[in-house]
N, C-alpha and C. Protein backbone atom coordinates (compact mmCIF):
# COMPACT_ATOMS: atom_id res chain seq x y z
N MET A 1 95.84 77.37 87.06
CA MET A 1 95.24 78.65 86.76
C MET A 1 96.33 79.55 86.19
N GLY A 2 96.03 80.19 85.07
CA GLY A 2 97.01 81.05 84.44
C GLY A 2 97.14 82.39 85.13
N ALA A 3 98.33 82.97 84.99
CA ALA A 3 98.60 84.25 85.65
C ALA A 3 97.67 85.34 85.14
N THR A 4 97.39 85.35 83.84
CA THR A 4 96.54 86.39 83.28
C THR A 4 95.12 86.29 83.84
N TYR A 5 94.58 85.08 83.90
CA TYR A 5 93.25 84.89 84.45
C TYR A 5 93.22 85.34 85.91
N SER A 6 94.21 84.92 86.68
CA SER A 6 94.25 85.27 88.10
C SER A 6 94.33 86.77 88.30
N THR A 7 95.17 87.42 87.51
CA THR A 7 95.33 88.86 87.65
C THR A 7 94.04 89.58 87.30
N THR A 8 93.39 89.15 86.24
CA THR A 8 92.12 89.77 85.84
C THR A 8 91.05 89.53 86.90
N ALA A 9 90.96 88.31 87.40
CA ALA A 9 89.96 87.99 88.42
C ALA A 9 90.27 88.74 89.70
N TRP A 10 91.54 88.84 90.07
CA TRP A 10 91.92 89.59 91.26
C TRP A 10 91.52 91.05 91.10
N SER A 11 91.78 91.62 89.92
CA SER A 11 91.44 93.02 89.67
C SER A 11 89.95 93.26 89.82
N ARG A 12 89.15 92.36 89.29
CA ARG A 12 87.69 92.50 89.42
C ARG A 12 87.26 92.44 90.88
N SER A 13 87.85 91.50 91.63
CA SER A 13 87.53 91.39 93.06
C SER A 13 87.91 92.67 93.79
N SER A 14 89.06 93.20 93.45
CA SER A 14 89.55 94.41 94.09
C SER A 14 88.63 95.59 93.81
N ILE A 15 88.21 95.72 92.57
CA ILE A 15 87.31 96.82 92.18
C ILE A 15 85.99 96.71 92.93
N ARG A 16 85.51 95.50 93.11
CA ARG A 16 84.24 95.30 93.83
C ARG A 16 84.42 95.47 95.34
N GLY A 17 85.67 95.60 95.78
CA GLY A 17 85.92 95.75 97.21
C GLY A 17 85.92 94.42 97.96
N ASP A 18 86.01 93.32 97.24
CA ASP A 18 86.00 91.99 97.86
C ASP A 18 87.44 91.54 98.11
N THR A 19 88.03 92.06 99.17
CA THR A 19 89.43 91.78 99.49
C THR A 19 89.67 90.30 99.70
N GLU A 20 88.77 89.62 100.39
CA GLU A 20 88.96 88.19 100.67
C GLU A 20 89.01 87.37 99.38
N ALA A 21 88.13 87.69 98.42
CA ALA A 21 88.15 86.96 97.14
C ALA A 21 89.46 87.24 96.41
N GLY A 22 89.90 88.49 96.44
CA GLY A 22 91.16 88.84 95.80
C GLY A 22 92.33 88.11 96.43
N LEU A 23 92.35 88.03 97.75
CA LEU A 23 93.42 87.31 98.44
C LEU A 23 93.40 85.82 98.11
N ARG A 24 92.21 85.24 98.03
CA ARG A 24 92.13 83.82 97.66
C ARG A 24 92.73 83.58 96.28
N LEU A 25 92.42 84.45 95.35
CA LEU A 25 92.94 84.29 93.99
C LEU A 25 94.45 84.48 93.94
N ILE A 26 94.97 85.49 94.61
CA ILE A 26 96.41 85.71 94.61
C ILE A 26 97.13 84.56 95.32
N ARG A 27 96.56 84.06 96.40
CA ARG A 27 97.18 82.92 97.10
C ARG A 27 97.21 81.69 96.21
N ARG A 28 96.14 81.46 95.44
CA ARG A 28 96.13 80.32 94.52
C ARG A 28 97.22 80.48 93.47
N LEU A 29 97.35 81.69 92.94
CA LEU A 29 98.40 81.95 91.95
C LEU A 29 99.77 81.76 92.60
N ASP A 30 99.96 82.30 93.77
CA ASP A 30 101.22 82.19 94.50
C ASP A 30 101.57 80.72 94.73
N GLU A 31 100.63 79.95 95.22
CA GLU A 31 100.88 78.55 95.56
C GLU A 31 101.10 77.68 94.34
N SER A 32 100.55 78.06 93.21
CA SER A 32 100.68 77.24 92.01
C SER A 32 101.87 77.64 91.14
N THR A 33 102.56 78.69 91.52
CA THR A 33 103.68 79.18 90.73
C THR A 33 104.96 78.49 91.14
N ASP A 34 105.74 78.10 90.17
CA ASP A 34 107.06 77.52 90.42
C ASP A 34 107.90 78.56 91.15
N ALA A 35 108.56 78.16 92.22
CA ALA A 35 109.38 79.08 93.01
C ALA A 35 110.46 79.75 92.16
N ASN A 36 110.84 79.15 91.06
CA ASN A 36 111.88 79.72 90.20
C ASN A 36 111.30 80.59 89.09
N ALA A 37 110.07 81.00 89.25
CA ALA A 37 109.43 81.86 88.24
C ALA A 37 110.22 83.15 88.09
N ASP A 38 109.99 83.83 87.00
CA ASP A 38 110.63 85.09 86.70
C ASP A 38 110.51 86.07 87.87
N SER A 39 111.56 86.82 88.11
CA SER A 39 111.59 87.74 89.24
C SER A 39 110.51 88.82 89.15
N GLU A 40 110.20 89.26 87.95
CA GLU A 40 109.16 90.28 87.81
C GLU A 40 107.79 89.72 88.21
N HIS A 41 107.58 88.45 87.95
CA HIS A 41 106.33 87.80 88.38
C HIS A 41 106.17 87.95 89.89
N TRP A 42 107.25 87.66 90.64
CA TRP A 42 107.18 87.74 92.10
C TRP A 42 106.98 89.18 92.57
N TYR A 43 107.54 90.14 91.81
CA TYR A 43 107.32 91.55 92.16
C TYR A 43 105.83 91.89 92.01
N LEU A 44 105.21 91.40 90.95
CA LEU A 44 103.78 91.66 90.74
C LEU A 44 102.93 90.98 91.81
N VAL A 45 103.31 89.77 92.20
CA VAL A 45 102.60 89.08 93.28
C VAL A 45 102.75 89.88 94.58
N ALA A 46 103.96 90.36 94.85
CA ALA A 46 104.20 91.17 96.06
C ALA A 46 103.31 92.41 96.06
N GLY A 47 103.21 93.08 94.93
CA GLY A 47 102.37 94.26 94.83
C GLY A 47 100.90 93.94 95.05
N SER A 48 100.46 92.82 94.52
CA SER A 48 99.07 92.42 94.70
C SER A 48 98.77 92.17 96.18
N TYR A 49 99.65 91.43 96.83
CA TYR A 49 99.48 91.22 98.27
C TYR A 49 99.48 92.55 99.02
N GLY A 50 100.37 93.44 98.63
CA GLY A 50 100.45 94.73 99.30
C GLY A 50 99.16 95.52 99.19
N LEU A 51 98.59 95.56 98.00
CA LEU A 51 97.34 96.29 97.80
C LEU A 51 96.19 95.68 98.58
N LEU A 52 96.25 94.37 98.77
CA LEU A 52 95.18 93.68 99.47
C LEU A 52 95.40 93.64 100.99
N GLY A 53 96.50 94.25 101.45
CA GLY A 53 96.73 94.36 102.89
C GLY A 53 97.44 93.18 103.54
N ASP A 54 97.95 92.24 102.73
CA ASP A 54 98.69 91.10 103.29
C ASP A 54 100.17 91.43 103.26
N HIS A 55 100.61 92.17 104.25
CA HIS A 55 101.98 92.70 104.27
C HIS A 55 103.02 91.59 104.39
N GLU A 56 102.74 90.59 105.18
CA GLU A 56 103.70 89.50 105.39
C GLU A 56 104.00 88.79 104.06
N ASN A 57 102.95 88.40 103.34
CA ASN A 57 103.17 87.73 102.06
C ASN A 57 103.73 88.67 101.00
N SER A 58 103.40 89.93 101.10
CA SER A 58 103.95 90.91 100.17
C SER A 58 105.47 91.00 100.32
N VAL A 59 105.94 91.11 101.56
CA VAL A 59 107.38 91.20 101.79
C VAL A 59 108.07 89.89 101.40
N ARG A 60 107.43 88.77 101.67
CA ARG A 60 108.01 87.47 101.28
C ARG A 60 108.17 87.38 99.77
N ALA A 61 107.13 87.73 99.03
CA ALA A 61 107.20 87.68 97.57
C ALA A 61 108.19 88.70 97.03
N LEU A 62 108.26 89.86 97.67
CA LEU A 62 109.23 90.87 97.25
C LEU A 62 110.66 90.37 97.47
N ARG A 63 110.88 89.70 98.58
CA ARG A 63 112.20 89.12 98.83
C ARG A 63 112.55 88.10 97.73
N TRP A 64 111.59 87.28 97.36
CA TRP A 64 111.82 86.29 96.30
C TRP A 64 112.15 87.01 95.00
N ALA A 65 111.45 88.09 94.72
CA ALA A 65 111.71 88.86 93.50
C ALA A 65 113.16 89.37 93.49
N VAL A 66 113.59 89.92 94.60
CA VAL A 66 114.95 90.47 94.70
C VAL A 66 115.98 89.34 94.59
N GLU A 67 115.73 88.24 95.28
CA GLU A 67 116.66 87.10 95.23
C GLU A 67 116.78 86.53 93.83
N ARG A 68 115.74 86.66 93.02
CA ARG A 68 115.74 86.11 91.67
C ARG A 68 116.12 87.13 90.60
N GLY A 69 116.48 88.35 91.03
CA GLY A 69 117.03 89.30 90.08
C GLY A 69 116.26 90.57 89.82
N PHE A 70 115.14 90.80 90.51
CA PHE A 70 114.43 92.07 90.35
C PHE A 70 114.92 93.00 91.44
N PHE A 71 115.79 93.93 91.09
CA PHE A 71 116.36 94.81 92.11
C PHE A 71 116.24 96.28 91.73
N ASN A 72 115.11 96.64 91.15
CA ASN A 72 114.84 98.03 90.82
C ASN A 72 114.32 98.73 92.08
N TYR A 73 115.25 99.01 92.97
CA TYR A 73 114.84 99.56 94.26
C TYR A 73 114.19 100.93 94.14
N THR A 74 114.54 101.70 93.11
CA THR A 74 113.90 103.01 92.96
C THR A 74 112.40 102.86 92.71
N ALA A 75 112.02 101.82 91.98
CA ALA A 75 110.60 101.56 91.78
C ALA A 75 109.94 101.13 93.08
N MET A 76 110.63 100.28 93.83
CA MET A 76 110.09 99.81 95.11
C MET A 76 109.89 100.95 96.10
N GLU A 77 110.78 101.93 96.05
CA GLU A 77 110.70 103.07 96.98
C GLU A 77 109.45 103.90 96.77
N ILE A 78 108.96 103.96 95.55
CA ILE A 78 107.81 104.83 95.27
C ILE A 78 106.55 104.08 94.87
N ASP A 79 106.61 102.77 94.74
CA ASP A 79 105.45 101.98 94.32
C ASP A 79 104.34 102.09 95.36
N PRO A 80 103.18 102.64 95.00
CA PRO A 80 102.10 102.83 95.98
C PRO A 80 101.54 101.52 96.53
N GLN A 81 101.84 100.41 95.89
CA GLN A 81 101.36 99.12 96.40
C GLN A 81 101.95 98.78 97.76
N PHE A 82 103.06 99.43 98.10
CA PHE A 82 103.74 99.16 99.36
C PHE A 82 103.59 100.29 100.38
N ASP A 83 102.77 101.27 100.08
CA ASP A 83 102.63 102.44 100.94
C ASP A 83 102.22 102.12 102.37
N SER A 84 101.32 101.17 102.54
CA SER A 84 100.77 100.92 103.88
C SER A 84 101.77 100.28 104.84
N PHE A 85 102.90 99.81 104.33
CA PHE A 85 103.89 99.21 105.23
C PHE A 85 105.32 99.58 104.83
N ARG A 86 105.44 100.70 104.16
CA ARG A 86 106.75 101.15 103.68
C ARG A 86 107.77 101.29 104.81
N ASP A 87 107.35 101.66 106.02
CA ASP A 87 108.25 101.84 107.14
C ASP A 87 108.56 100.55 107.90
N ASP A 88 107.94 99.45 107.49
CA ASP A 88 108.16 98.16 108.14
C ASP A 88 109.65 97.78 108.02
N PRO A 89 110.29 97.38 109.12
CA PRO A 89 111.71 97.04 109.08
C PRO A 89 112.06 95.94 108.08
N GLU A 90 111.21 94.94 107.95
CA GLU A 90 111.50 93.85 107.00
C GLU A 90 111.43 94.35 105.57
N PHE A 91 110.45 95.21 105.27
CA PHE A 91 110.36 95.81 103.94
C PHE A 91 111.62 96.64 103.67
N GLN A 92 112.03 97.44 104.65
CA GLN A 92 113.22 98.26 104.50
C GLN A 92 114.47 97.40 104.29
N HIS A 93 114.52 96.25 104.94
CA HIS A 93 115.65 95.33 104.77
C HIS A 93 115.71 94.80 103.34
N VAL A 94 114.56 94.37 102.81
CA VAL A 94 114.51 93.88 101.43
C VAL A 94 114.87 95.01 100.47
N LEU A 95 114.40 96.21 100.73
CA LEU A 95 114.73 97.36 99.91
C LEU A 95 116.24 97.62 99.91
N GLU A 96 116.87 97.48 101.05
CA GLU A 96 118.33 97.68 101.15
C GLU A 96 119.08 96.62 100.35
N ILE A 97 118.63 95.38 100.39
CA ILE A 97 119.25 94.32 99.60
C ILE A 97 119.12 94.64 98.11
N ALA A 98 117.94 95.11 97.70
CA ALA A 98 117.73 95.49 96.29
C ALA A 98 118.67 96.63 95.90
N LYS A 99 118.84 97.60 96.78
CA LYS A 99 119.73 98.73 96.50
C LYS A 99 121.17 98.25 96.35
N GLN A 100 121.61 97.35 97.21
CA GLN A 100 122.97 96.81 97.12
C GLN A 100 123.18 96.08 95.79
N LYS A 101 122.19 95.28 95.39
CA LYS A 101 122.29 94.56 94.11
C LYS A 101 122.30 95.54 92.94
N HIS A 102 121.47 96.55 93.03
CA HIS A 102 121.40 97.58 91.98
C HIS A 102 122.75 98.28 91.85
N ASP A 103 123.30 98.70 92.98
CA ASP A 103 124.58 99.40 92.97
C ASP A 103 125.71 98.52 92.45
N ALA A 104 125.71 97.24 92.83
CA ALA A 104 126.75 96.32 92.35
C ALA A 104 126.64 96.12 90.83
N PHE A 105 125.42 95.99 90.34
CA PHE A 105 125.20 95.84 88.89
C PHE A 105 125.68 97.08 88.16
N ARG A 106 125.30 98.21 88.70
CA ARG A 106 125.68 99.48 88.07
C ARG A 106 127.20 99.64 88.04
N LYS A 107 127.87 99.30 89.13
CA LYS A 107 129.33 99.41 89.18
C LYS A 107 129.98 98.46 88.18
N LYS A 108 129.49 97.24 88.11
CA LYS A 108 130.06 96.23 87.22
C LYS A 108 129.89 96.61 85.75
N HIS A 109 128.78 97.25 85.43
CA HIS A 109 128.46 97.56 84.03
C HIS A 109 128.48 99.05 83.72
N ALA A 110 129.15 99.83 84.54
CA ALA A 110 129.14 101.29 84.40
C ALA A 110 129.55 101.76 83.01
N ASP A 111 130.51 101.08 82.41
CA ASP A 111 130.99 101.52 81.10
C ASP A 111 129.99 101.24 79.98
N LYS A 112 128.97 100.44 80.25
CA LYS A 112 127.99 100.08 79.23
C LYS A 112 126.63 100.73 79.44
N LEU A 113 126.45 101.41 80.56
CA LEU A 113 125.16 101.99 80.90
C LEU A 113 125.09 103.46 80.50
N PRO A 114 123.90 103.94 80.15
CA PRO A 114 123.75 105.37 79.89
C PRO A 114 123.95 106.15 81.19
N ASP A 115 124.32 107.38 81.07
CA ASP A 115 124.62 108.22 82.24
C ASP A 115 123.48 108.29 83.24
N ARG A 116 122.27 108.34 82.78
CA ARG A 116 121.12 108.51 83.71
C ARG A 116 120.70 107.23 84.40
N TRP A 117 121.25 106.10 84.06
CA TRP A 117 120.84 104.85 84.69
C TRP A 117 121.49 104.75 85.98
């Protein structure tokens, strides 16, 4: 199943209020995705799980995203997909790891980055 189809089908399920159908679709996408998929893909999966109320899988996918190079912690801090469990210690731990990676990247490349980054 392609990511675009799954995302569209999940969105339709979500709009109809069919959380279980949405979770089934996201789980199928999750299970069929190569673990080495692009980090942004895992961030999107994490957000989908978050919106559907599956906090455990959301944090797991978010951790995978961070481990694979998605460390935009400022986005994670305000992303409404994570609102319902933002205070969860495991979520906060993953957020801290993302912040450390972000800061290390910024320090390493400070001379090449614009001032506002």
